[in-house]
Amino acid sequence: MPPLPPTYDEIETGMATTSLKLPAELRQQIRETAAEHCVTASMLIRQYIEMGLATEDSPNG
């Protein structure tokens, strides 16, 4: 049987808090998209940042 995904607390352990200002519409869009994917807004933003940075690091980026 494959292992269960990590819990919210396991994911958030060791994370640093960063604050940023967003337009209200973008903030709402992030919340809605996160809810659709059953993740928190923080998780969604972190995933998008990681994907963007991976693109920057790629040879074709």
N, C-alpha and C. Protein backbone atom coordinates (compact mmCIF):
# COMPACT_ATOMS: atom_id res chain seq x y z
N MET A 1 0.85 -1.17 0.00
CA MET A 1 0.00 0.00 0.00
C MET A 1 0.90 1.24 0.00
N PRO A 2 0.62 2.22 -0.86
CA PRO A 2 1.45 3.43 -0.89
C PRO A 2 1.27 4.24 0.40
N PRO A 3 2.29 5.00 0.76
CA PRO A 3 2.17 5.81 1.98
C PRO A 3 1.13 6.90 1.82
N LEU A 4 0.53 7.30 2.94
CA LEU A 4 -0.44 8.40 2.91
C LEU A 4 0.28 9.72 2.67
N PRO A 5 -0.38 10.68 2.05
CA PRO A 5 0.25 11.99 1.87
C PRO A 5 0.49 12.64 3.24
N PRO A 6 1.46 13.56 3.30
CA PRO A 6 1.73 14.20 4.60
C PRO A 6 0.54 15.03 5.07
N THR A 7 0.43 15.17 6.38
CA THR A 7 -0.62 16.00 6.95
C THR A 7 -0.26 17.47 6.80
N TYR A 8 -1.24 18.33 7.04
CA TYR A 8 -1.01 19.77 6.97
C TYR A 8 0.12 20.17 7.91
N ASP A 9 0.09 19.65 9.14
CA ASP A 9 1.13 20.00 10.12
C ASP A 9 2.50 19.54 9.67
N GLU A 10 2.58 18.37 9.06
CA GLU A 10 3.87 17.86 8.57
C GLU A 10 4.42 18.75 7.44
N ILE A 11 3.53 19.23 6.59
CA ILE A 11 3.96 20.10 5.49
C ILE A 11 4.42 21.45 6.00
N GLU A 12 3.68 22.00 6.94
CA GLU A 12 3.95 23.36 7.42
C GLU A 12 5.13 23.44 8.39
N THR A 13 5.55 22.33 8.96
CA THR A 13 6.67 22.33 9.90
C THR A 13 7.93 22.82 9.19
N GLY A 14 8.59 23.79 9.77
CA GLY A 14 9.83 24.30 9.20
C GLY A 14 9.65 25.36 8.13
N MET A 15 8.41 25.74 7.84
CA MET A 15 8.17 26.77 6.83
C MET A 15 8.35 28.15 7.45
N ALA A 16 8.87 29.08 6.66
CA ALA A 16 9.00 30.47 7.09
C ALA A 16 7.83 31.26 6.53
N THR A 17 7.36 32.22 7.29
CA THR A 17 6.24 33.05 6.86
C THR A 17 6.75 34.23 6.05
N THR A 18 6.12 34.48 4.91
CA THR A 18 6.42 35.62 4.07
C THR A 18 5.11 36.33 3.77
N SER A 19 5.11 37.64 3.88
CA SER A 19 3.90 38.42 3.64
C SER A 19 4.00 39.12 2.30
N LEU A 20 2.89 39.18 1.58
CA LEU A 20 2.85 39.94 0.34
C LEU A 20 1.47 40.55 0.17
N LYS A 21 1.41 41.62 -0.58
CA LYS A 21 0.14 42.30 -0.84
C LYS A 21 -0.36 41.90 -2.22
N LEU A 22 -1.65 41.57 -2.27
CA LEU A 22 -2.29 41.15 -3.52
C LEU A 22 -3.56 41.95 -3.72
N PRO A 23 -3.92 42.21 -4.98
CA PRO A 23 -5.23 42.81 -5.22
C PRO A 23 -6.31 41.85 -4.72
N ALA A 24 -7.41 42.40 -4.24
CA ALA A 24 -8.49 41.60 -3.67
C ALA A 24 -8.99 40.53 -4.64
N GLU A 25 -9.10 40.87 -5.91
CA GLU A 25 -9.59 39.90 -6.90
C GLU A 25 -8.64 38.73 -7.04
N LEU A 26 -7.33 38.99 -7.05
CA LEU A 26 -6.34 37.92 -7.17
C LEU A 26 -6.37 37.05 -5.92
N ARG A 27 -6.48 37.66 -4.76
CA ARG A 27 -6.57 36.90 -3.51
C ARG A 27 -7.77 35.96 -3.54
N GLN A 28 -8.90 36.44 -4.00
CA GLN A 28 -10.10 35.60 -4.08
C GLN A 28 -9.91 34.48 -5.08
N GLN A 29 -9.30 34.77 -6.20
CA GLN A 29 -9.05 33.75 -7.23
C GLN A 29 -8.13 32.66 -6.67
N ILE A 30 -7.12 33.05 -5.91
CA ILE A 30 -6.21 32.08 -5.30
C ILE A 30 -6.98 31.20 -4.32
N ARG A 31 -7.82 31.80 -3.49
CA ARG A 31 -8.60 31.02 -2.52
C ARG A 31 -9.53 30.04 -3.22
N GLU A 32 -10.20 30.48 -4.28
CA GLU A 32 -11.11 29.60 -5.00
C GLU A 32 -10.37 28.46 -5.68
N THR A 33 -9.25 28.78 -6.31
CA THR A 33 -8.46 27.75 -6.98
C THR A 33 -7.92 26.75 -5.98
N ALA A 34 -7.44 27.24 -4.85
CA ALA A 34 -6.93 26.35 -3.80
C ALA A 34 -8.03 25.42 -3.31
N ALA A 35 -9.22 25.95 -3.08
CA ALA A 35 -10.35 25.13 -2.62
C ALA A 35 -10.70 24.06 -3.64
N GLU A 36 -10.66 24.41 -4.92
CA GLU A 36 -10.95 23.43 -5.98
C GLU A 36 -9.96 22.27 -5.95
N HIS A 37 -8.73 22.55 -5.54
CA HIS A 37 -7.68 21.53 -5.51
C HIS A 37 -7.48 20.94 -4.11
N CYS A 38 -8.35 21.32 -3.17
CA CYS A 38 -8.30 20.81 -1.80
C CYS A 38 -6.95 21.05 -1.12
N VAL A 39 -6.40 22.24 -1.35
CA VAL A 39 -5.17 22.67 -0.68
C VAL A 39 -5.41 24.05 -0.09
N THR A 40 -4.51 24.50 0.77
CA THR A 40 -4.63 25.85 1.30
C THR A 40 -4.09 26.84 0.27
N ALA A 41 -4.44 28.10 0.46
CA ALA A 41 -3.92 29.15 -0.42
C ALA A 41 -2.40 29.17 -0.34
N SER A 42 -1.85 29.00 0.85
CA SER A 42 -0.39 28.99 1.01
C SER A 42 0.25 27.87 0.20
N MET A 43 -0.36 26.69 0.24
CA MET A 43 0.17 25.56 -0.53
C MET A 43 0.14 25.85 -2.02
N LEU A 44 -0.97 26.42 -2.49
CA LEU A 44 -1.10 26.72 -3.91
C LEU A 44 -0.06 27.75 -4.35
N ILE A 45 0.08 28.82 -3.59
CA ILE A 45 1.06 29.86 -3.92
C ILE A 45 2.46 29.26 -3.93
N ARG A 46 2.77 28.44 -2.93
CA ARG A 46 4.09 27.81 -2.85
C ARG A 46 4.34 26.93 -4.08
N GLN A 47 3.32 26.16 -4.49
CA GLN A 47 3.47 25.30 -5.68
C GLN A 47 3.73 26.14 -6.93
N TYR A 48 3.00 27.24 -7.08
CA TYR A 48 3.20 28.09 -8.25
C TYR A 48 4.58 28.73 -8.25
N ILE A 49 5.05 29.14 -7.09
CA ILE A 49 6.40 29.71 -7.00
C ILE A 49 7.44 28.65 -7.36
N GLU A 50 7.27 27.45 -6.81
CA GLU A 50 8.21 26.36 -7.10
C GLU A 50 8.24 26.04 -8.60
N MET A 51 7.05 26.02 -9.24
CA MET A 51 6.99 25.74 -10.68
C MET A 51 7.68 26.86 -11.48
N GLY A 52 7.44 28.11 -11.06
CA GLY A 52 8.08 29.23 -11.75
C GLY A 52 9.59 29.19 -11.61
N LEU A 53 10.07 28.89 -10.42
CA LEU A 53 11.51 28.81 -10.21
C LEU A 53 12.12 27.64 -10.97
N ALA A 54 11.40 26.53 -11.04
CA ALA A 54 11.90 25.38 -11.81
C ALA A 54 12.03 25.74 -13.28
N THR A 55 11.09 26.53 -13.79
CA THR A 55 11.17 26.98 -15.18
C THR A 55 12.38 27.89 -15.40
N GLU A 56 12.64 28.75 -14.43
CA GLU A 56 13.80 29.64 -14.50
C GLU A 56 15.10 28.85 -14.52
N ASP A 57 15.13 27.74 -13.79
CA ASP A 57 16.34 26.92 -13.68
C ASP A 57 16.51 25.97 -14.84
N SER A 58 15.45 25.75 -15.62
CA SER A 58 15.54 24.77 -16.70
C SER A 58 16.38 25.33 -17.85
N PRO A 59 17.03 24.44 -18.62
CA PRO A 59 17.88 24.90 -19.73
C PRO A 59 17.11 25.69 -20.79
N ASN A 60 15.80 25.42 -20.91
CA ASN A 60 14.98 26.12 -21.90
C ASN A 60 14.29 27.34 -21.32
N GLY A 61 14.47 27.64 -20.01
CA GLY A 61 13.77 28.70 -19.31
C GLY A 61 14.32 30.04 -19.48
